Amino acid sequence: MAFEKEYDMPEPLTDSLCIHLRSKAIYVSGSFRPIQPDEEGSDYCWCNKTQHLIGPDDQGVSRQECTLAGRECYRKTR
């Protein structure tokens, strides 16, 4: 039997991401949505302003959390 990989597909994002959000996927594939799941690395994200898992507003950093225009530190991607 051949080896098969199965991936849980993340829910599609409907809002734009914060311009300060960073992920390994950006540096490997150039976007948060690489074609191959292997290129993505992981869901690990950080804030470019703080260089940490916590944003400048002392809240967590993730693809889901950094789409909220209600956060003080949120800046819409152009």
Protein backbone atom coordinates (compact mmCIF):
# COMPACT_ATOMS: atom_id res chain seq x y z
CA MET A 1 0.00 0.00 0.00
CA ALA A 2 1.31 3.43 -0.93
CA PHE A 3 1.82 6.13 1.66
CA GLU A 4 -0.90 8.76 1.58
CA LYS A 5 -1.07 12.13 3.31
CA GLU A 6 -4.33 13.64 4.38
CA TYR A 7 -4.70 17.24 5.50
CA ASP A 8 -7.44 19.02 7.36
CA MET A 9 -8.27 21.93 5.12
CA PRO A 10 -8.44 25.23 7.05
CA GLU A 11 -11.64 27.19 6.82
CA PRO A 12 -11.45 29.85 4.12
CA LEU A 13 -10.77 33.35 5.36
CA THR A 14 -13.30 35.93 4.25
CA ASP A 15 -11.63 39.00 5.79
CA SER A 16 -8.26 40.40 4.84
CA LEU A 17 -5.34 39.59 7.10
CA CYS A 18 -3.46 42.17 9.13
CA ILE A 19 -0.45 43.54 7.28
CA HIS A 20 1.73 42.76 10.34
CA LEU A 21 0.86 39.02 10.42
CA ARG A 22 3.75 36.74 9.45
CA SER A 23 4.04 33.01 8.81
CA LYS A 24 6.63 30.64 7.43
CA ALA A 25 4.30 30.13 4.45
CA ILE A 26 4.93 33.72 3.29
CA TYR A 27 8.66 33.08 3.03
CA VAL A 28 8.33 29.63 1.43
CA SER A 29 5.54 30.20 -1.09
CA GLY A 30 4.94 33.96 -1.08
CA SER A 31 1.40 33.81 0.28
CA PHE A 32 -0.67 32.48 3.16
CA ARG A 33 -2.36 30.10 0.72
CA PRO A 34 0.33 27.87 -0.83
CA ILE A 35 -0.70 25.40 -3.52
CA GLN A 36 0.75 22.37 -1.71
CA PRO A 37 0.04 21.87 2.01
CA ASP A 38 3.64 20.64 2.48
CA GLU A 39 4.89 24.10 1.53
CA GLU A 40 2.93 25.76 4.30
CA GLY A 41 5.08 24.56 7.17
CA SER A 42 2.61 24.97 10.02
CA ASP A 43 -0.06 27.26 11.38
CA TYR A 44 2.58 29.02 13.46
CA CYS A 45 2.22 32.80 13.02
CA TRP A 46 3.77 35.84 14.67
CA CYS A 47 3.29 39.59 14.67
CA ASN A 48 5.90 41.53 12.74
CA LYS A 49 5.52 44.50 15.10
CA THR A 50 6.26 42.54 18.27
CA GLN A 51 8.16 39.60 16.72
CA HIS A 52 6.16 37.39 19.08
CA LEU A 53 3.00 35.26 19.40
CA ILE A 54 1.33 38.15 21.21
CA GLY A 55 0.36 41.30 19.33
CA PRO A 56 0.83 44.90 20.49
CA ASP A 57 -2.68 44.78 22.01
CA ASP A 58 -1.66 41.82 24.26
CA GLN A 59 -3.90 39.39 22.36
CA GLY A 60 -2.89 36.21 20.56
CA VAL A 61 -1.72 36.15 16.96
CA SER A 62 -3.26 33.77 14.41
CA ARG A 63 -4.85 33.75 10.98
CA GLN A 64 -8.30 33.78 12.53
CA GLU A 65 -7.62 36.46 15.16
CA CYS A 66 -5.68 38.87 12.95
CA THR A 67 -8.55 39.55 10.57
CA LEU A 68 -10.56 41.58 13.04
CA ALA A 69 -10.71 45.24 12.16
CA GLY A 70 -11.79 45.83 15.79
CA ARG A 71 -8.28 45.20 17.12
CA GLU A 72 -6.30 48.37 17.80
CA CYS A 73 -3.20 47.05 16.03
CA TYR A 74 -5.02 45.73 12.93
CA ARG A 75 -3.95 47.26 9.62
CA LYS A 76 -5.70 46.10 6.46
CA THR A 77 -3.54 44.54 3.75
CA ARG A 78 -3.59 46.63 0.61
